[in-house]
Amino acid sequence: MRRRTVTAGSLEEILQVTAPTTAPEQAAAPPAAAAPAAREDHGLRTEFEFELPRGYVDEAGTLHRHGSMRLATARDELRPQIDLRVKENPAYLSVVLLSQVITRLGTITDVHAGIVERMYATDVAFLQDFYRRVNSEGHTRAAVTCPHCEGGFEVDLSGGRLGES
């Protein structure tokens, strides 16, 4: 049996040819039932903003501190287990995992393991704790104690400078 390859241009043509035809009044308005079902809001927060303690400096010397991390899926946690880098060095697991769930770091939208590798250890430790809080506890707050008055309070780890509300 001969295998046939399809290029992107051919795929578009095939999709246009095989698309179901609609009446003019149906083509003018998108189906009401399809759009809300795909984007129905259940009040679940799936992406969390953060600010790195030190920041990532890219090859051009630009500092990136603000970013966002999405909730991890089961696939995100399983995929690193088959990664050869993780099999050779289990400590590399967090690098691969973080690279999958960080959706943005400053102006960088393609966050990969190489970027996480070049981050300062302080920032990686912060991201590991942030990942644990977001995925285990469902929030980004941390309980802290004042070293002077020993009063307890909560801080939000997702961003902002110390002392800001």
C-alpha atoms as a PDB file:
ATOM      1  CA  MET A   1       0.000   0.000   0.000  1.00  0.00           C
ATOM      2  CA  ARG A   2       1.346   3.399  -0.944  1.00  0.00           C
ATOM      3  CA  ARG A   3       1.437   6.184   1.664  1.00  0.00           C
ATOM      4  CA  ARG A   4       0.184   9.579   0.527  1.00  0.00           C
ATOM      5  CA  THR A   5       1.478  12.800   2.046  1.00  0.00           C
ATOM      6  CA  VAL A   6      -0.597  15.944   2.203  1.00  0.00           C
ATOM      7  CA  THR A   7       0.915  19.418   2.276  1.00  0.00           C
ATOM      8  CA  ALA A   8      -0.611  22.298   4.193  1.00  0.00           C
ATOM      9  CA  GLY A   9      -1.882  23.895   0.976  1.00  0.00           C
ATOM     10  CA  SER A  10      -3.539  20.658  -0.095  1.00  0.00           C
ATOM     11  CA  LEU A  11      -5.070  20.210   3.350  1.00  0.00           C
ATOM     12  CA  GLU A  12      -6.754  23.622   3.131  1.00  0.00           C
ATOM     13  CA  GLU A  13      -8.124  22.744  -0.302  1.00  0.00           C
ATOM     14  CA  ILE A  14      -9.439  19.410   0.986  1.00  0.00           C
ATOM     15  CA  LEU A  15     -11.120  21.107   3.953  1.00  0.00           C
ATOM     16  CA  GLN A  16     -12.788  23.663   1.673  1.00  0.00           C
ATOM     17  CA  VAL A  17     -14.005  21.019  -0.758  1.00  0.00           C
ATOM     18  CA  THR A  18     -15.310  18.696   1.960  1.00  0.00           C
ATOM     19  CA  ALA A  19     -16.871  21.426   4.123  1.00  0.00           C
ATOM     20  CA  PRO A  20     -20.644  21.079   4.427  1.00  0.00           C
ATOM     21  CA  THR A  21     -22.607  23.643   2.444  1.00  0.00           C
ATOM     22  CA  THR A  22     -24.891  25.962   4.379  1.00  0.00           C
ATOM     23  CA  ALA A  23     -27.815  28.098   3.461  1.00  0.00           C
ATOM     24  CA  PRO A  24     -27.030  31.840   3.077  1.00  0.00           C
ATOM     25  CA  GLU A  25     -28.863  32.763   6.291  1.00  0.00           C
ATOM     26  CA  GLN A  26     -26.933  30.075   8.216  1.00  0.00           C
ATOM     27  CA  ALA A  27     -23.599  31.217   6.790  1.00  0.00           C
ATOM     28  CA  ALA A  28     -24.188  34.808   7.882  1.00  0.00           C
ATOM     29  CA  ALA A  29     -24.654  33.965  11.554  1.00  0.00           C
ATOM     30  CA  PRO A  30     -22.467  31.456  13.413  1.00  0.00           C
ATOM     31  CA  PRO A  31     -24.361  28.709  15.222  1.00  0.00           C
ATOM     32  CA  ALA A  32     -25.334  29.973  18.666  1.00  0.00           C
ATOM     33  CA  ALA A  33     -25.064  26.597  20.373  1.00  0.00           C
ATOM     34  CA  ALA A  34     -21.513  25.840  19.186  1.00  0.00           C
ATOM     35  CA  ALA A  35     -19.767  29.025  20.369  1.00  0.00           C
ATOM     36  CA  PRO A  36     -20.893  29.153  24.031  1.00  0.00           C
ATOM     37  CA  ALA A  37     -20.304  25.435  24.583  1.00  0.00           C
ATOM     38  CA  ALA A  38     -16.670  25.752  23.522  1.00  0.00           C
ATOM     39  CA  ARG A  39     -16.045  28.833  25.665  1.00  0.00           C
ATOM     40  CA  GLU A  40     -18.338  28.289  28.581  1.00  0.00           C
ATOM     41  CA  ASP A  41     -16.930  29.873  31.739  1.00  0.00           C
ATOM     42  CA  HIS A  42     -17.165  27.664  34.813  1.00  0.00           C
ATOM     43  CA  GLY A  43     -15.363  30.131  37.091  1.00  0.00           C
ATOM     44  CA  LEU A  44     -12.231  27.966  37.082  1.00  0.00           C
ATOM     45  CA  ARG A  45      -9.039  29.982  36.995  1.00  0.00           C
ATOM     46  CA  THR A  46      -6.561  28.174  34.733  1.00  0.00           C
ATOM     47  CA  GLU A  47      -3.792  30.751  34.289  1.00  0.00           C
ATOM     48  CA  PHE A  48      -1.855  32.560  37.004  1.00  0.00           C
ATOM     49  CA  GLU A  49       0.394  35.606  36.698  1.00  0.00           C
ATOM     50  CA  PHE A  50       3.717  35.736  38.541  1.00  0.00           C
ATOM     51  CA  GLU A  51       6.755  37.959  39.014  1.00  0.00           C
ATOM     52  CA  LEU A  52      10.177  36.328  39.314  1.00  0.00           C
ATOM     53  CA  PRO A  53      12.381  37.419  42.240  1.00  0.00           C
ATOM     54  CA  ARG A  54      15.408  38.043  39.996  1.00  0.00           C
ATOM     55  CA  GLY A  55      14.244  37.610  36.411  1.00  0.00           C
ATOM     56  CA  TYR A  56      15.447  35.872  33.276  1.00  0.00           C
ATOM     57  CA  VAL A  57      17.992  37.684  31.111  1.00  0.00           C
ATOM     58  CA  ASP A  58      17.815  36.660  27.442  1.00  0.00           C
ATOM     59  CA  GLU A  59      20.650  36.670  24.874  1.00  0.00           C
ATOM     60  CA  ALA A  60      19.943  40.321  23.995  1.00  0.00           C
ATOM     61  CA  GLY A  61      20.291  41.345  27.654  1.00  0.00           C
ATOM     62  CA  THR A  62      16.569  41.988  28.191  1.00  0.00           C
ATOM     63  CA  LEU A  63      15.268  41.252  31.683  1.00  0.00           C
ATOM     64  CA  HIS A  64      12.001  39.287  31.847  1.00  0.00           C
ATOM     65  CA  ARG A  65      10.297  39.138  35.269  1.00  0.00           C
ATOM     66  CA  HIS A  66       6.549  38.975  34.675  1.00  0.00           C
ATOM     67  CA  GLY A  67       4.993  35.827  33.306  1.00  0.00           C
ATOM     68  CA  SER A  68       2.097  33.441  33.473  1.00  0.00           C
ATOM     69  CA  MET A  69       1.690  29.770  34.270  1.00  0.00           C
ATOM     70  CA  ARG A  70      -1.272  27.583  33.412  1.00  0.00           C
ATOM     71  CA  LEU A  71      -2.666  24.710  35.414  1.00  0.00           C
ATOM     72  CA  ALA A  72      -0.923  21.420  34.679  1.00  0.00           C
ATOM     73  CA  THR A  73      -2.718  18.508  33.069  1.00  0.00           C
ATOM     74  CA  ALA A  74      -2.092  14.824  33.669  1.00  0.00           C
ATOM     75  CA  ARG A  75      -0.304  14.758  30.307  1.00  0.00           C
ATOM     76  CA  ASP A  76       2.031  17.540  31.486  1.00  0.00           C
ATOM     77  CA  GLU A  77       3.040  15.454  34.480  1.00  0.00           C
ATOM     78  CA  LEU A  78       3.370  12.202  32.520  1.00  0.00           C
ATOM     79  CA  ARG A  79       5.268  13.510  29.491  1.00  0.00           C
ATOM     80  CA  PRO A  80       8.550  14.233  31.371  1.00  0.00           C
ATOM     81  CA  GLN A  81       8.666  10.594  32.537  1.00  0.00           C
ATOM     82  CA  ILE A  82       9.471   9.472  28.972  1.00  0.00           C
ATOM     83  CA  ASP A  83      11.899  12.328  28.277  1.00  0.00           C
ATOM     84  CA  LEU A  84      15.443  10.980  27.837  1.00  0.00           C
ATOM     85  CA  ARG A  85      16.939  13.948  29.690  1.00  0.00           C
ATOM     86  CA  VAL A  86      14.803  13.100  32.732  1.00  0.00           C
ATOM     87  CA  LYS A  87      15.672   9.393  32.500  1.00  0.00           C
ATOM     88  CA  GLU A  88      19.371  10.288  32.522  1.00  0.00           C
ATOM     89  CA  ASN A  89      18.996  12.870  35.288  1.00  0.00           C
ATOM     90  CA  PRO A  90      15.788  12.766  37.388  1.00  0.00           C
ATOM     91  CA  ALA A  91      16.511  16.270  38.715  1.00  0.00           C
ATOM     92  CA  TYR A  92      15.783  17.556  35.187  1.00  0.00           C
ATOM     93  CA  LEU A  93      12.098  16.709  35.699  1.00  0.00           C
ATOM     94  CA  SER A  94      11.232  20.123  37.107  1.00  0.00           C
ATOM     95  CA  VAL A  95      12.933  21.889  34.185  1.00  0.00           C
ATOM     96  CA  VAL A  96      10.855  19.965  31.630  1.00  0.00           C
ATOM     97  CA  LEU A  97       7.657  20.305  33.642  1.00  0.00           C
ATOM     98  CA  LEU A  98       8.036  24.065  34.162  1.00  0.00           C
ATOM     99  CA  SER A  99       8.813  24.590  30.484  1.00  0.00           C
ATOM    100  CA  GLN A 100       5.481  22.967  29.599  1.00  0.00           C
ATOM    101  CA  VAL A 101       3.260  25.025  31.910  1.00  0.00           C
ATOM    102  CA  ILE A 102       4.860  28.485  31.671  1.00  0.00           C
ATOM    103  CA  THR A 103       2.886  30.171  28.916  1.00  0.00           C
ATOM    104  CA  ARG A 104       4.681  33.520  28.882  1.00  0.00           C
ATOM    105  CA  LEU A 105       7.799  35.081  30.360  1.00  0.00           C
ATOM    106  CA  GLY A 106       7.957  38.794  29.643  1.00  0.00           C
ATOM    107  CA  THR A 107       7.764  39.053  25.857  1.00  0.00           C
ATOM    108  CA  ILE A 108       8.768  35.403  25.366  1.00  0.00           C
ATOM    109  CA  THR A 109       5.834  33.181  24.438  1.00  0.00           C
ATOM    110  CA  ASP A 110       7.841  30.080  23.479  1.00  0.00           C
ATOM    111  CA  VAL A 111       9.215  29.012  26.854  1.00  0.00           C
ATOM    112  CA  HIS A 112      11.262  25.828  26.454  1.00  0.00           C
ATOM    113  CA  ALA A 113      13.608  23.790  28.651  1.00  0.00           C
ATOM    114  CA  GLY A 114      16.645  25.799  27.473  1.00  0.00           C
ATOM    115  CA  ILE A 115      15.153  28.984  28.906  1.00  0.00           C
ATOM    116  CA  VAL A 116      14.339  27.354  32.253  1.00  0.00           C
ATOM    117  CA  GLU A 117      17.898  25.933  32.363  1.00  0.00           C
ATOM    118  CA  ARG A 118      19.352  29.442  32.071  1.00  0.00           C
ATOM    119  CA  MET A 119      17.204  30.899  34.870  1.00  0.00           C
ATOM    120  CA  TYR A 120      18.724  31.748  38.223  1.00  0.00           C
ATOM    121  CA  ALA A 121      18.292  29.032  40.855  1.00  0.00           C
ATOM    122  CA  THR A 122      16.247  31.467  42.978  1.00  0.00           C
ATOM    123  CA  ASP A 123      13.729  31.891  40.171  1.00  0.00           C
ATOM    124  CA  VAL A 124      13.499  28.146  39.494  1.00  0.00           C
ATOM    125  CA  ALA A 125      12.861  27.502  43.202  1.00  0.00           C
ATOM    126  CA  PHE A 126      10.186  30.230  43.168  1.00  0.00           C
ATOM    127  CA  LEU A 127       8.532  28.664  40.082  1.00  0.00           C
ATOM    128  CA  GLN A 128       8.607  25.178  41.630  1.00  0.00           C
ATOM    129  CA  ASP A 129       6.843  26.495  44.740  1.00  0.00           C
ATOM    130  CA  PHE A 130       4.424  28.515  42.587  1.00  0.00           C
ATOM    131  CA  TYR A 131       3.638  25.391  40.522  1.00  0.00           C
ATOM    132  CA  ARG A 132       2.968  23.382  43.687  1.00  0.00           C
ATOM    133  CA  ARG A 133       0.697  26.048  45.141  1.00  0.00           C
ATOM    134  CA  VAL A 134      -1.293  26.576  41.953  1.00  0.00           C
ATOM    135  CA  ASN A 135      -1.749  22.888  41.153  1.00  0.00           C
ATOM    136  CA  SER A 136      -2.132  21.480  44.671  1.00  0.00           C
ATOM    137  CA  GLU A 137      -3.769  24.229  46.644  1.00  0.00           C
ATOM    138  CA  GLY A 138      -5.530  26.120  43.853  1.00  0.00           C
ATOM    139  CA  HIS A 139      -4.294  29.578  44.881  1.00  0.00           C
ATOM    140  CA  THR A 140      -1.124  31.656  45.048  1.00  0.00           C
ATOM    141  CA  ARG A 141      -1.303  32.854  48.660  1.00  0.00           C
ATOM    142  CA  ALA A 142       1.292  31.959  51.267  1.00  0.00           C
ATOM    143  CA  ALA A 143       1.090  32.281  55.047  1.00  0.00           C
ATOM    144  CA  VAL A 144       4.014  34.249  56.473  1.00  0.00           C
ATOM    145  CA  THR A 145       5.081  35.549  59.873  1.00  0.00           C
ATOM    146  CA  CYS A 146       6.505  39.004  60.532  1.00  0.00           C
ATOM    147  CA  PRO A 147      10.040  38.642  61.968  1.00  0.00           C
ATOM    148  CA  HIS A 148       9.580  41.733  64.171  1.00  0.00           C
ATOM    149  CA  CYS A 149       6.107  41.414  65.705  1.00  0.00           C
ATOM    150  CA  GLU A 150       5.608  37.706  64.929  1.00  0.00           C
ATOM    151  CA  GLY A 151       2.149  38.475  63.558  1.00  0.00           C
ATOM    152  CA  GLY A 152       0.835  36.128  60.887  1.00  0.00           C
ATOM    153  CA  PHE A 153      -0.628  37.227  57.568  1.00  0.00           C
ATOM    154  CA  GLU A 154      -0.958  36.102  53.945  1.00  0.00           C
ATOM    155  CA  VAL A 155       0.871  37.375  50.869  1.00  0.00           C
ATOM    156  CA  ASP A 156      -0.016  36.758  47.244  1.00  0.00           C
ATOM    157  CA  LEU A 157       2.920  35.253  45.368  1.00  0.00           C
ATOM    158  CA  SER A 158       1.460  36.016  41.966  1.00  0.00           C
ATOM    159  CA  GLY A 159       2.990  39.439  41.596  1.00  0.00           C
ATOM    160  CA  GLY A 160       3.428  42.918  42.900  1.00  0.00           C
ATOM    161  CA  ARG A 161       6.228  44.264  45.012  1.00  0.00           C
ATOM    162  CA  LEU A 162       6.577  43.759  48.731  1.00  0.00           C
ATOM    163  CA  GLY A 163       4.427  46.244  50.595  1.00  0.00           C
ATOM    164  CA  GLU A 164       2.018  46.749  47.711  1.00  0.00           C
ATOM    165  CA  SER A 165      -1.595  45.757  48.095  1.00  0.00           C
END
